[in-house]
Amino acid sequence: MKQLFLSTILLLSFSVNASTIALFKCQLLDGKKIEEVKAINSEWVKAVNKINENKVTSQVLEAVVSPKMQTYMYIDTYEDTVHWGQIRNEIKNGAIEEFTEQFDEVSKCTSVSLYDAETS
């Protein structure tokens, strides 16, 4: 319950207006560092933003205190669900395929949730 509440607060704090947010929960593979994830994610954002005129933002949430310090989360923010769908469609069709391989070399994501968020 606390994790759901924290996730909701984090998601809402990153949205300026109405938007769609994807929350990925992931774990670093043995011997890998969060800096590797951040570097790949930064390049992913640059590449994904060339696919569509609407821009995606992404944050990597790194554990400060956690029983599982190897875990982290991504929060990807899209303009709306249509924008998210357009990007997902392009990725499924092979756009920026190299990033999937790079992410898989350093981490494993165990879940993803999609939220509509708006400022209140």
PDB file of N, CA and C in Angstrom:
ATOM      1  N   MET A   1       0.822  -1.190   0.000  1.00  0.00           N
ATOM      2  CA  MET A   1       0.000   0.000   0.000  1.00  0.00           C
ATOM      3  C   MET A   1       0.872   1.262   0.000  1.00  0.00           C
ATOM      4  N   LYS A   2       1.946   1.243   0.816  1.00  0.00           N
ATOM      5  CA  LYS A   2       2.838   2.394   0.853  1.00  0.00           C
ATOM      6  C   LYS A   2       3.487   2.613  -0.506  1.00  0.00           C
ATOM      7  N   GLN A   3       3.855   1.498  -1.177  1.00  0.00           N
ATOM      8  CA  GLN A   3       4.500   1.608  -2.495  1.00  0.00           C
ATOM      9  C   GLN A   3       3.526   2.205  -3.505  1.00  0.00           C
ATOM     10  N   LEU A   4       2.258   1.794  -3.447  1.00  0.00           N
ATOM     11  CA  LEU A   4       1.253   2.347  -4.356  1.00  0.00           C
ATOM     12  C   LEU A   4       1.075   3.838  -4.097  1.00  0.00           C
ATOM     13  N   PHE A   5       1.001   4.229  -2.843  1.00  0.00           N
ATOM     14  CA  PHE A   5       0.853   5.638  -2.495  1.00  0.00           C
ATOM     15  C   PHE A   5       2.056   6.443  -2.966  1.00  0.00           C
ATOM     16  N   LEU A   6       3.268   5.930  -2.707  1.00  0.00           N
ATOM     17  CA  LEU A   6       4.491   6.618  -3.128  1.00  0.00           C
ATOM     18  C   LEU A   6       4.538   6.733  -4.651  1.00  0.00           C
ATOM     19  N   SER A   7       4.202   5.648  -5.337  1.00  0.00           N
ATOM     20  CA  SER A   7       4.207   5.675  -6.804  1.00  0.00           C
ATOM     21  C   SER A   7       3.244   6.729  -7.327  1.00  0.00           C
ATOM     22  N   THR A   8       2.068   6.794  -6.739  1.00  0.00           N
ATOM     23  CA  THR A   8       1.070   7.772  -7.174  1.00  0.00           C
ATOM     24  C   THR A   8       1.571   9.194  -6.953  1.00  0.00           C
ATOM     25  N   ILE A   9       2.141   9.453  -5.796  1.00  0.00           N
ATOM     26  CA  ILE A   9       2.673  10.792  -5.497  1.00  0.00           C
ATOM     27  C   ILE A   9       3.774  11.149  -6.489  1.00  0.00           C
ATOM     28  N   LEU A  10       4.685  10.224  -6.739  1.00  0.00           N
ATOM     29  CA  LEU A  10       5.775  10.490  -7.683  1.00  0.00           C
ATOM     30  C   LEU A  10       5.240  10.761  -9.079  1.00  0.00           C
ATOM     31  N   LEU A  11       4.302   9.960  -9.496  1.00  0.00           N
ATOM     32  CA  LEU A  11       3.745  10.140 -10.834  1.00  0.00           C
ATOM     33  C   LEU A  11       3.083  11.507 -10.983  1.00  0.00           C
ATOM     34  N   LEU A  12       2.325  11.883  -9.996  1.00  0.00           N
ATOM     35  CA  LEU A  12       1.631  13.165 -10.079  1.00  0.00           C
ATOM     36  C   LEU A  12       2.593  14.337  -9.999  1.00  0.00           C
ATOM     37  N   SER A  13       3.679  14.179  -9.278  1.00  0.00           N
ATOM     38  CA  SER A  13       4.625  15.287  -9.153  1.00  0.00           C
ATOM     39  C   SER A  13       5.370  15.563 -10.453  1.00  0.00           C
ATOM     40  N   PHE A  14       5.441  14.587 -11.351  1.00  0.00           N
ATOM     41  CA  PHE A  14       6.149  14.783 -12.609  1.00  0.00           C
ATOM     42  C   PHE A  14       5.246  15.305 -13.720  1.00  0.00           C
ATOM     43  N   SER A  15       3.951  15.368 -13.478  1.00  0.00           N
ATOM     44  CA  SER A  15       3.070  15.831 -14.545  1.00  0.00           C
ATOM     45  C   SER A  15       2.742  17.298 -14.345  1.00  0.00           C
ATOM     46  N   VAL A  16       2.901  18.076 -15.404  1.00  0.00           N
ATOM     47  CA  VAL A  16       2.610  19.494 -15.359  1.00  0.00           C
ATOM     48  C   VAL A  16       1.154  19.716 -15.747  1.00  0.00           C
ATOM     49  N   ASN A  17       0.702  19.066 -16.784  1.00  0.00           N
ATOM     50  CA  ASN A  17      -0.675  19.090 -17.241  1.00  0.00           C
ATOM     51  C   ASN A  17      -1.136  17.645 -17.337  1.00  0.00           C
ATOM     52  N   ALA A  18      -2.266  17.437 -17.984  1.00  0.00           N
ATOM     53  CA  ALA A  18      -2.704  16.070 -18.214  1.00  0.00           C
ATOM     54  C   ALA A  18      -1.678  15.368 -19.093  1.00  0.00           C
ATOM     55  N   SER A  19      -1.347  14.147 -18.739  1.00  0.00           N
ATOM     56  CA  SER A  19      -0.365  13.394 -19.504  1.00  0.00           C
ATOM     57  C   SER A  19      -0.552  11.909 -19.222  1.00  0.00           C
ATOM     58  N   THR A  20       0.174  11.094 -19.967  1.00  0.00           N
ATOM     59  CA  THR A  20       0.179   9.655 -19.743  1.00  0.00           C
ATOM     60  C   THR A  20       1.569   9.272 -19.273  1.00  0.00           C
ATOM     61  N   ILE A  21       1.613   8.474 -18.224  1.00  0.00           N
ATOM     62  CA  ILE A  21       2.871   8.119 -17.600  1.00  0.00           C
ATOM     63  C   ILE A  21       3.016   6.607 -17.555  1.00  0.00           C
ATOM     64  N   ALA A  22       4.171   6.124 -17.992  1.00  0.00           N
ATOM     65  CA  ALA A  22       4.511   4.707 -17.880  1.00  0.00           C
ATOM     66  C   ALA A  22       5.515   4.548 -16.747  1.00  0.00           C
ATOM     67  N   LEU A  23       5.220   3.645 -15.829  1.00  0.00           N
ATOM     68  CA  LEU A  23       6.090   3.393 -14.686  1.00  0.00           C
ATOM     69  C   LEU A  23       6.639   1.971 -14.812  1.00  0.00           C
ATOM     70  N   PHE A  24       7.957   1.869 -15.000  1.00  0.00           N
ATOM     71  CA  PHE A  24       8.636   0.583 -15.137  1.00  0.00           C
ATOM     72  C   PHE A  24       9.366   0.267 -13.835  1.00  0.00           C
ATOM     73  N   LYS A  25       9.199  -0.937 -13.330  1.00  0.00           N
ATOM     74  CA  LYS A  25       9.951  -1.392 -12.159  1.00  0.00           C
ATOM     75  C   LYS A  25      10.991  -2.387 -12.649  1.00  0.00           C
ATOM     76  N   CYS A  26      12.258  -2.105 -12.311  1.00  0.00           N
ATOM     77  CA  CYS A  26      13.366  -2.876 -12.880  1.00  0.00           C
ATOM     78  C   CYS A  26      14.401  -3.218 -11.820  1.00  0.00           C
ATOM     79  N   GLN A  27      15.304  -4.129 -12.203  1.00  0.00           N
ATOM     80  CA  GLN A  27      16.405  -4.515 -11.333  1.00  0.00           C
ATOM     81  C   GLN A  27      17.683  -4.600 -12.152  1.00  0.00           C
ATOM     82  N   LEU A  28      18.764  -4.083 -11.572  1.00  0.00           N
ATOM     83  CA  LEU A  28      20.077  -4.184 -12.209  1.00  0.00           C
ATOM     84  C   LEU A  28      20.535  -5.640 -12.211  1.00  0.00           C
ATOM     85  N   LEU A  29      21.182  -6.041 -13.280  1.00  0.00           N
ATOM     86  CA  LEU A  29      21.799  -7.357 -13.328  1.00  0.00           C
ATOM     87  C   LEU A  29      23.097  -7.321 -12.525  1.00  0.00           C
ATOM     88  N   ASP A  30      23.549  -8.469 -12.072  1.00  0.00           N
ATOM     89  CA  ASP A  30      24.777  -8.549 -11.273  1.00  0.00           C
ATOM     90  C   ASP A  30      25.936  -7.865 -11.982  1.00  0.00           C
ATOM     91  N   GLY A  31      26.632  -7.025 -11.221  1.00  0.00           N
ATOM     92  CA  GLY A  31      27.816  -6.352 -11.742  1.00  0.00           C
ATOM     93  C   GLY A  31      27.526  -5.101 -12.558  1.00  0.00           C
ATOM     94  N   LYS A  32      26.275  -4.788 -12.780  1.00  0.00           N
ATOM     95  CA  LYS A  32      25.915  -3.603 -13.571  1.00  0.00           C
ATOM     96  C   LYS A  32      25.649  -2.425 -12.647  1.00  0.00           C
ATOM     97  N   LYS A  33      25.795  -1.212 -13.184  1.00  0.00           N
ATOM     98  CA  LYS A  33      25.665   0.006 -12.388  1.00  0.00           C
ATOM     99  C   LYS A  33      24.534   0.878 -12.920  1.00  0.00           C
ATOM    100  N   ILE A  34      23.938   1.635 -12.014  1.00  0.00           N
ATOM    101  CA  ILE A  34      22.828   2.517 -12.381  1.00  0.00           C
ATOM    102  C   ILE A  34      23.285   3.568 -13.392  1.00  0.00           C
ATOM    103  N   GLU A  35      24.556   3.938 -13.357  1.00  0.00           N
ATOM    104  CA  GLU A  35      25.078   4.909 -14.321  1.00  0.00           C
ATOM    105  C   GLU A  35      24.952   4.389 -15.752  1.00  0.00           C
ATOM    106  N   GLU A  36      25.094   3.071 -15.927  1.00  0.00           N
ATOM    107  CA  GLU A  36      24.919   2.473 -17.254  1.00  0.00           C
ATOM    108  C   GLU A  36      23.474   2.625 -17.721  1.00  0.00           C
ATOM    109  N   VAL A  37      22.548   2.382 -16.816  1.00  0.00           N
ATOM    110  CA  VAL A  37      21.126   2.534 -17.126  1.00  0.00           C
ATOM    111  C   VAL A  37      20.824   3.977 -17.518  1.00  0.00           C
ATOM    112  N   LYS A  38      21.317   4.920 -16.731  1.00  0.00           N
ATOM    113  CA  LYS A  38      21.055   6.339 -16.994  1.00  0.00           C
ATOM    114  C   LYS A  38      21.615   6.769 -18.351  1.00  0.00           C
ATOM    115  N   ALA A  39      22.797   6.290 -18.691  1.00  0.00           N
ATOM    116  CA  ALA A  39      23.401   6.648 -19.979  1.00  0.00           C
ATOM    117  C   ALA A  39      22.577   6.089 -21.140  1.00  0.00           C
ATOM    118  N   ILE A  40      22.159   4.833 -21.040  1.00  0.00           N
ATOM    119  CA  ILE A  40      21.339   4.232 -22.093  1.00  0.00           C
ATOM    120  C   ILE A  40      20.001   4.960 -22.187  1.00  0.00           C
ATOM    121  N   ASN A  41      19.408   5.254 -21.034  1.00  0.00           N
ATOM    122  CA  ASN A  41      18.107   5.930 -21.031  1.00  0.00           C
ATOM    123  C   ASN A  41      18.189   7.319 -21.660  1.00  0.00           C
ATOM    124  N   SER A  42      19.259   8.050 -21.405  1.00  0.00           N
ATOM    125  CA  SER A  42      19.423   9.382 -22.003  1.00  0.00           C
ATOM    126  C   SER A  42      19.468   9.295 -23.525  1.00  0.00           C
ATOM    127  N   GLU A  43      20.181   8.302 -24.034  1.00  0.00           N
ATOM    128  CA  GLU A  43      20.243   8.111 -25.492  1.00  0.00           C
ATOM    129  C   GLU A  43      18.901   7.639 -26.048  1.00  0.00           C
ATOM    130  N   TRP A  44      18.190   6.810 -25.278  1.00  0.00           N
ATOM    131  CA  TRP A  44      16.858   6.346 -25.674  1.00  0.00           C
ATOM    132  C   TRP A  44      15.908   7.540 -25.848  1.00  0.00           C
ATOM    133  N   VAL A  45      15.940   8.458 -24.882  1.00  0.00           N
ATOM    134  CA  VAL A  45      15.067   9.641 -24.952  1.00  0.00           C
ATOM    135  C   VAL A  45      15.363  10.447 -26.211  1.00  0.00           C
ATOM    136  N   LYS A  46      16.634  10.660 -26.503  1.00  0.00           N
ATOM    137  CA  LYS A  46      17.004  11.410 -27.717  1.00  0.00           C
ATOM    138  C   LYS A  46      16.469  10.706 -28.959  1.00  0.00           C
ATOM    139  N   ALA A  47      16.634   9.392 -29.017  1.00  0.00           N
ATOM    140  CA  ALA A  47      16.190   8.625 -30.191  1.00  0.00           C
ATOM    141  C   ALA A  47      14.669   8.593 -30.312  1.00  0.00           C
ATOM    142  N   VAL A  48      13.976   8.375 -29.211  1.00  0.00           N
ATOM    143  CA  VAL A  48      12.514   8.274 -29.259  1.00  0.00           C
ATOM    144  C   VAL A  48      11.889   9.621 -29.624  1.00  0.00           C
ATOM    145  N   ASN A  49      12.549  10.702 -29.248  1.00  0.00           N
ATOM    146  CA  ASN A  49      12.015  12.021 -29.566  1.00  0.00           C
ATOM    147  C   ASN A  49      12.214  12.412 -31.030  1.00  0.00           C
ATOM    148  N   LYS A  50      12.976  11.615 -31.779  1.00  0.00           N
ATOM    149  CA  LYS A  50      13.100  11.822 -33.220  1.00  0.00           C
ATOM    150  C   LYS A  50      11.980  11.107 -33.983  1.00  0.00           C
ATOM    151  N   ILE A  51      11.264  10.216 -33.307  1.00  0.00           N
ATOM    152  CA  ILE A  51      10.210   9.417 -33.932  1.00  0.00           C
ATOM    153  C   ILE A  51       8.929  10.221 -34.125  1.00  0.00           C
ATOM    154  N   ASN A  52       8.645  11.126 -33.206  1.00  0.00           N
ATOM    155  CA  ASN A  52       7.353  11.795 -33.148  1.00  0.00           C
ATOM    156  C   ASN A  52       7.577  13.265 -32.814  1.00  0.00           C
ATOM    157  N   GLU A  53       6.680  14.115 -33.274  1.00  0.00           N
ATOM    158  CA  GLU A  53       6.824  15.551 -32.982  1.00  0.00           C
ATOM    159  C   GLU A  53       6.571  15.866 -31.507  1.00  0.00           C
ATOM    160  N   ASN A  54       5.750  15.058 -30.819  1.00  0.00           N
ATOM    161  CA  ASN A  54       5.533  15.237 -29.380  1.00  0.00           C
ATOM    162  C   ASN A  54       6.702  14.617 -28.625  1.00  0.00           C
ATOM    163  N   LYS A  55       7.113  15.253 -27.570  1.00  0.00           N
ATOM    164  CA  LYS A  55       8.311  14.835 -26.857  1.00  0.00           C
ATOM    165  C   LYS A  55       7.992  13.961 -25.644  1.00  0.00           C
ATOM    166  N   VAL A  56       8.859  12.977 -25.410  1.00  0.00           N
ATOM    167  CA  VAL A  56       8.809  12.104 -24.250  1.00  0.00           C
ATOM    168  C   VAL A  56       9.857  12.591 -23.267  1.00  0.00           C
ATOM    169  N   THR A  57       9.529  12.563 -21.984  1.00  0.00           N
ATOM    170  CA  THR A  57      10.536  12.794 -20.953  1.00  0.00           C
ATOM    171  C   THR A  57      10.652  11.514 -20.141  1.00  0.00           C
ATOM    172  N   SER A  58      11.804  11.326 -19.522  1.00  0.00           N
ATOM    173  CA  SER A  58      12.031  10.111 -18.747  1.00  0.00           C
ATOM    174  C   SER A  58      12.919  10.413 -17.557  1.00  0.00           C
ATOM    175  N   GLN A  59      12.569   9.831 -16.429  1.00  0.00           N
ATOM    176  CA  GLN A  59      13.385   9.946 -15.230  1.00  0.00           C
ATOM    177  C   GLN A  59      13.729   8.539 -14.761  1.00  0.00           C
ATOM    178  N   VAL A  60      14.924   8.395 -14.198  1.00  0.00           N
ATOM    179  CA  VAL A  60      15.332   7.147 -13.566  1.00  0.00           C
ATOM    180  C   VAL A  60      15.287   7.396 -12.066  1.00  0.00           C
ATOM    181  N   LEU A  61      14.487   6.604 -11.361  1.00  0.00           N
ATOM    182  CA  LEU A  61      14.388   6.719  -9.909  1.00  0.00           C
ATOM    183  C   LEU A  61      15.308   5.688  -9.285  1.00  0.00           C
ATOM    184  N   GLU A  62      16.303   6.175  -8.594  1.00  0.00           N
ATOM    185  CA  GLU A  62      17.318   5.320  -7.971  1.00  0.00           C
ATOM    186  C   GLU A  62      17.007   5.189  -6.483  1.00  0.00           C
ATOM    187  N   ALA A  63      17.083   3.968  -5.974  1.00  0.00           N
ATOM    188  CA  ALA A  63      16.821   3.736  -4.553  1.00  0.00           C
ATOM    189  C   ALA A  63      17.873   4.435  -3.696  1.00  0.00           C
ATOM    190  N   VAL A  64      17.414   5.109  -2.665  1.00  0.00           N
ATOM    191  CA  VAL A  64      18.314   5.724  -1.684  1.00  0.00           C
ATOM    192  C   VAL A  64      18.375   4.816  -0.461  1.00  0.00           C
ATOM    193  N   VAL A  65      17.208   4.385  -0.006  1.00  0.00           N
ATOM    194  CA  VAL A  65      17.095   3.418   1.079  1.00  0.00           C
ATOM    195  C   VAL A  65      16.053   2.402   0.643  1.00  0.00           C
ATOM    196  N   SER A  66      16.438   1.149   0.591  1.00  0.00           N
ATOM    197  CA  SER A  66      15.533   0.101   0.143  1.00  0.00           C
ATOM    198  C   SER A  66      16.100  -1.251   0.540  1.00  0.00           C
ATOM    199  N   PRO A  67      15.228  -2.212   0.837  1.00  0.00           N
ATOM    200  CA  PRO A  67      15.747  -3.555   1.098  1.00  0.00           C
ATOM    201  C   PRO A  67      16.328  -4.200  -0.171  1.00  0.00           C
ATOM    202  N   LYS A  68      15.984  -3.639  -1.316  1.00  0.00           N
ATOM    203  CA  LYS A  68      16.485  -4.139  -2.599  1.00  0.00           C
ATOM    204  C   LYS A  68      17.169  -2.990  -3.339  1.00  0.00           C
ATOM    205  N   MET A  69      18.405  -2.716  -2.990  1.00  0.00           N
ATOM    206  CA  MET A  69      19.119  -1.571  -3.550  1.00  0.00           C
ATOM    207  C   MET A  69      19.414  -1.714  -5.038  1.00  0.00           C
ATOM    208  N   GLN A  70      19.289  -2.898  -5.594  1.00  0.00           N
ATOM    209  CA  GLN A  70      19.513  -3.110  -7.022  1.00  0.00           C
ATOM    210  C   GLN A  70      18.279  -2.744  -7.855  1.00  0.00           C
ATOM    211  N   THR A  71      17.180  -2.387  -7.192  1.00  0.00           N
ATOM    212  CA  THR A  71      15.973  -2.033  -7.934  1.00  0.00           C
ATOM    213  C   THR A  71      15.957  -0.544  -8.253  1.00  0.00           C
ATOM    214  N   TYR A  72      15.261  -0.211  -9.321  1.00  0.00           N
ATOM    215  CA  TYR A  72      15.067   1.183  -9.711  1.00  0.00           C
ATOM    216  C   TYR A  72      13.805   1.251 -10.561  1.00  0.00           C
ATOM    217  N   MET A  73      13.375   2.455 -10.874  1.00  0.00           N
ATOM    218  CA  MET A  73      12.193   2.649 -11.707  1.00  0.00           C
ATOM    219  C   MET A  73      12.468   3.692 -12.776  1.00  0.00           C
ATOM    220  N   TYR A  74      11.735   3.560 -13.866  1.00  0.00           N
ATOM    221  CA  TYR A  74      11.676   4.602 -14.887  1.00  0.00           C
ATOM    222  C   TYR A  74      10.300   5.226 -14.809  1.00  0.00           C
ATOM    223  N   ILE A  75      10.231   6.518 -15.015  1.00  0.00           N
ATOM    224  CA  ILE A  75       8.960   7.196 -15.231  1.00  0.00           C
ATOM    225  C   ILE A  75       9.077   7.896 -16.574  1.00  0.00           C
ATOM    226  N   ASP A  76       8.353   7.377 -17.557  1.00  0.00           N
ATOM    227  CA  ASP A  76       8.324   7.967 -18.897  1.00  0.00           C
ATOM    228  C   ASP A  76       7.017   8.728 -19.045  1.00  0.00           C
ATOM    229  N   THR A  77       7.100   9.990 -19.446  1.00  0.00           N
ATOM    230  CA  THR A  77       5.919  10.834 -19.566  1.00  0.00           C
ATOM    231  C   THR A  77       5.657  11.159 -21.034  1.00  0.00           C
ATOM    232  N   TYR A  78       4.424  10.881 -21.446  1.00  0.00           N
ATOM    233  CA  TYR A  78       3.961  11.113 -22.819  1.00  0.00           C
ATOM    234  C   TYR A  78       2.852  12.156 -22.785  1.00  0.00           C
ATOM    235  N   GLU A  79       2.619  12.807 -23.924  1.00  0.00           N
ATOM    236  CA  GLU A  79       1.577  13.839 -23.982  1.00  0.00           C
ATOM    237  C   GLU A  79       0.216  13.267 -23.600  1.00  0.00           C
ATOM    238  N   ASP A  80      -0.123  12.096 -24.119  1.00  0.00           N
ATOM    239  CA  ASP A  80      -1.396  11.435 -23.837  1.00  0.00           C
ATOM    240  C   ASP A  80      -1.299   9.982 -24.279  1.00  0.00           C
ATOM    241  N   THR A  81      -2.383   9.226 -24.147  1.00  0.00           N
ATOM    242  CA  THR A  81      -2.340   7.811 -24.515  1.00  0.00           C
ATOM    243  C   THR A  81      -2.151   7.618 -26.015  1.00  0.00           C
ATOM    244  N   VAL A  82      -2.626   8.552 -26.818  1.00  0.00           N
ATOM    245  CA  VAL A  82      -2.412   8.456 -28.272  1.00  0.00           C
ATOM    246  C   VAL A  82      -0.917   8.549 -28.577  1.00  0.00           C
ATOM    247  N   HIS A  83      -0.249   9.515 -27.960  1.00  0.00           N
ATOM    248  CA  HIS A  83       1.199   9.681 -28.135  1.00  0.00           C
ATOM    249  C   HIS A  83       1.926   8.417 -27.687  1.00  0.00           C
ATOM    250  N   TRP A  84       1.566   7.892 -26.516  1.00  0.00           N
ATOM    251  CA  TRP A  84       2.176   6.660 -26.031  1.00  0.00           C
ATOM    252  C   TRP A  84       1.979   5.536 -27.049  1.00  0.00           C
ATOM    253  N   GLY A  85       0.757   5.397 -27.563  1.00  0.00           N
ATOM    254  CA  GLY A  85       0.462   4.358 -28.543  1.00  0.00           C
ATOM    255  C   GLY A  85       1.266   4.509 -29.826  1.00  0.00           C
ATOM    256  N   GLN A  86       1.439   5.730 -30.274  1.00  0.00           N
ATOM    257  CA  GLN A  86       2.233   5.973 -31.484  1.00  0.00           C
ATOM    258  C   GLN A  86       3.688   5.532 -31.274  1.00  0.00           C
ATOM    259  N   ILE A  87       4.239   5.878 -30.133  1.00  0.00           N
ATOM    260  CA  ILE A  87       5.620   5.503 -29.834  1.00  0.00           C
ATOM    261  C   ILE A  87       5.733   3.982 -29.700  1.00  0.00           C
ATOM    262  N   ARG A  88       4.814   3.353 -28.972  1.00  0.00           N
ATOM    263  CA  ARG A  88       4.840   1.893 -28.812  1.00  0.00           C
ATOM    264  C   ARG A  88       4.749   1.199 -30.167  1.00  0.00           C
ATOM    265  N   ASN A  89       3.905   1.708 -31.043  1.00  0.00           N
ATOM    266  CA  ASN A  89       3.753   1.124 -32.375  1.00  0.00           C
ATOM    267  C   ASN A  89       5.065   1.199 -33.156  1.00  0.00           C
ATOM    268  N   GLU A  90       5.721   2.343 -33.106  1.00  0.00           N
ATOM    269  CA  GLU A  90       7.006   2.507 -33.791  1.00  0.00           C
ATOM    270  C   GLU A  90       8.061   1.562 -33.219  1.00  0.00           C
ATOM    271  N   ILE A  91       8.079   1.427 -31.908  1.00  0.00           N
ATOM    272  CA  ILE A  91       9.048   0.527 -31.266  1.00  0.00           C
ATOM    273  C   ILE A  91       8.768  -0.923 -31.666  1.00  0.00           C
ATOM    274  N   LYS A  92       7.491  -1.327 -31.676  1.00  0.00           N
ATOM    275  CA  LYS A  92       7.134  -2.688 -32.098  1.00  0.00           C
ATOM    276  C   LYS A  92       7.518  -2.958 -33.543  1.00  0.00           C
ATOM    277  N   ASN A  93       7.528  -1.921 -34.358  1.00  0.00           N
ATOM    278  CA  ASN A  93       7.896  -2.064 -35.766  1.00  0.00           C
ATOM    279  C   ASN A  93       9.403  -1.963 -35.994  1.00  0.00           C
ATOM    280  N   GLY A  94      10.180  -1.945 -34.925  1.00  0.00           N
ATOM    281  CA  GLY A  94      11.634  -2.016 -35.058  1.00  0.00           C
ATOM    282  C   GLY A  94      12.392  -0.721 -34.855  1.00  0.00           C
ATOM    283  N   ALA A  95      11.695   0.391 -34.669  1.00  0.00           N
ATOM    284  CA  ALA A  95      12.406   1.655 -34.421  1.00  0.00           C
ATOM    285  C   ALA A  95      13.170   1.531 -33.107  1.00  0.00           C
ATOM    286  N   ILE A  96      14.355   2.044 -33.084  1.00  0.00           N
ATOM    287  CA  ILE A  96      15.256   2.078 -31.917  1.00  0.00           C
ATOM    288  C   ILE A  96      15.429   0.705 -31.250  1.00  0.00           C
ATOM    289  N   GLU A  97      15.451  -0.333 -32.064  1.00  0.00           N
ATOM    290  CA  GLU A  97      15.596  -1.708 -31.566  1.00  0.00           C
ATOM    291  C   GLU A  97      16.879  -1.921 -30.755  1.00  0.00           C
ATOM    292  N   GLU A  98      17.919  -1.204 -31.113  1.00  0.00           N
ATOM    293  CA  GLU A  98      19.200  -1.387 -30.426  1.00  0.00           C
ATOM    294  C   GLU A  98      19.125  -1.069 -28.938  1.00  0.00           C
ATOM    295  N   PHE A  99      18.189  -0.225 -28.545  1.00  0.00           N
ATOM    296  CA  PHE A  99      18.082   0.137 -27.134  1.00  0.00           C
ATOM    297  C   PHE A  99      17.517  -1.007 -26.305  1.00  0.00           C
ATOM    298  N   THR A 100      16.627  -1.800 -26.866  1.00  0.00           N
ATOM    299  CA  THR A 100      16.089  -2.953 -26.158  1.00  0.00           C
ATOM    300  C   THR A 100      17.231  -3.879 -25.765  1.00  0.00           C
ATOM    301  N   GLU A 101      18.120  -4.140 -26.697  1.00  0.00           N
ATOM    302  CA  GLU A 101      19.269  -5.003 -26.425  1.00  0.00           C
ATOM    303  C   GLU A 101      20.181  -4.386 -25.356  1.00  0.00           C
ATOM    304  N   GLN A 102      20.409  -3.084 -25.436  1.00  0.00           N
ATOM    305  CA  GLN A 102      21.275  -2.421 -24.453  1.00  0.00           C
ATOM    306  C   GLN A 102      20.673  -2.477 -23.054  1.00  0.00           C
ATOM    307  N   PHE A 103      19.374  -2.194 -22.949  1.00  0.00           N
ATOM    308  CA  PHE A 103      18.711  -2.275 -21.646  1.00  0.00           C
ATOM    309  C   PHE A 103      18.773  -3.692 -21.097  1.00  0.00           C
ATOM    310  N   ASP A 104      18.552  -4.699 -21.962  1.00  0.00           N
ATOM    311  CA  ASP A 104      18.562  -6.106 -21.528  1.00  0.00           C
ATOM    312  C   ASP A 104      19.933  -6.552 -21.032  1.00  0.00           C
ATOM    313  N   GLU A 105      20.986  -5.901 -21.464  1.00  0.00           N
ATOM    314  CA  GLU A 105      22.338  -6.255 -21.030  1.00  0.00           C
ATOM    315  C   GLU A 105      22.650  -5.769 -19.616  1.00  0.00           C
ATOM    316  N   VAL A 106      21.909  -4.781 -19.119  1.00  0.00           N
ATOM    317  CA  VAL A 106      22.213  -4.220 -17.798  1.00  0.00           C
ATOM    318  C   VAL A 106      21.102  -4.407 -16.769  1.00  0.00           C
ATOM    319  N   SER A 107      19.882  -4.726 -17.233  1.00  0.00           N
ATOM    320  CA  SER A 107      18.780  -4.783 -16.278  1.00  0.00           C
ATOM    321  C   SER A 107      17.647  -5.683 -16.769  1.00  0.00           C
ATOM    322  N   LYS A 108      16.741  -5.948 -15.841  1.00  0.00           N
ATOM    323  CA  LYS A 108      15.532  -6.696 -16.170  1.00  0.00           C
ATOM    324  C   LYS A 108      14.355  -5.952 -15.550  1.00  0.00           C
ATOM    325  N   CYS A 109      13.394  -5.578 -16.387  1.00  0.00           N
ATOM    326  CA  CYS A 109      12.198  -4.912 -15.885  1.00  0.00           C
ATOM    327  C   CYS A 109      11.120  -5.966 -15.659  1.00  0.00           C
ATOM    328  N   THR A 110      10.521  -5.926 -14.474  1.00  0.00           N
ATOM    329  CA  THR A 110       9.572  -6.957 -14.090  1.00  0.00           C
ATOM    330  C   THR A 110       8.115  -6.528 -14.222  1.00  0.00           C
ATOM    331  N   SER A 111       7.881  -5.224 -14.314  1.00  0.00           N
ATOM    332  CA  SER A 111       6.496  -4.776 -14.490  1.00  0.00           C
ATOM    333  C   SER A 111       6.463  -3.376 -15.084  1.00  0.00           C
ATOM    334  N   VAL A 112       5.357  -3.087 -15.720  1.00  0.00           N
ATOM    335  CA  VAL A 112       5.106  -1.745 -16.251  1.00  0.00           C
ATOM    336  C   VAL A 112       3.628  -1.441 -16.036  1.00  0.00           C
ATOM    337  N   SER A 113       3.355  -0.211 -15.658  1.00  0.00           N
ATOM    338  CA  SER A 113       1.981   0.259 -15.484  1.00  0.00           C
ATOM    339  C   SER A 113       1.834   1.564 -16.238  1.00  0.00           C
ATOM    340  N   LEU A 114       0.655   1.789 -16.791  1.00  0.00           N
ATOM    341  CA  LEU A 114       0.378   3.009 -17.539  1.00  0.00           C
ATOM    342  C   LEU A 114      -0.702   3.786 -16.808  1.00  0.00           C
ATOM    343  N   TYR A 115      -0.460   5.077 -16.611  1.00  0.00           N
ATOM    344  CA  TYR A 115      -1.370   5.933 -15.855  1.00  0.00           C
ATOM    345  C   TYR A 115      -1.714   7.180 -16.644  1.00  0.00           C
ATOM    346  N   ASP A 116      -2.940   7.639 -16.502  1.00  0.00           N
ATOM    347  CA  ASP A 116      -3.307   8.987 -16.930  1.00  0.00           C
ATOM    348  C   ASP A 116      -3.166   9.872 -15.706  1.00  0.00           C
ATOM    349  N   ALA A 117      -2.493  10.992 -15.853  1.00  0.00           N
ATOM    350  CA  ALA A 117      -2.256  11.890 -14.725  1.00  0.00           C
ATOM    351  C   ALA A 117      -2.621  13.309 -15.132  1.00  0.00           C
ATOM    352  N   GLU A 118      -3.155  14.044 -14.178  1.00  0.00           N
ATOM    353  CA  GLU A 118      -3.391  15.458 -14.421  1.00  0.00           C
ATOM    354  C   GLU A 118      -3.210  16.231 -13.132  1.00  0.00           C
ATOM    355  N   THR A 119      -2.769  17.452 -13.286  1.00  0.00           N
ATOM    356  CA  THR A 119      -2.538  18.310 -12.135  1.00  0.00           C
ATOM    357  C   THR A 119      -3.878  18.669 -11.506  1.00  0.00           C
ATOM    358  N   SER A 120      -3.910  18.650 -10.196  1.00  0.00           N
ATOM    359  CA  SER A 120      -5.154  19.039  -9.514  1.00  0.00           C
ATOM    360  C   SER A 120      -4.890  20.177  -8.562  1.00  0.00           C
TER     361      SER A 120
END
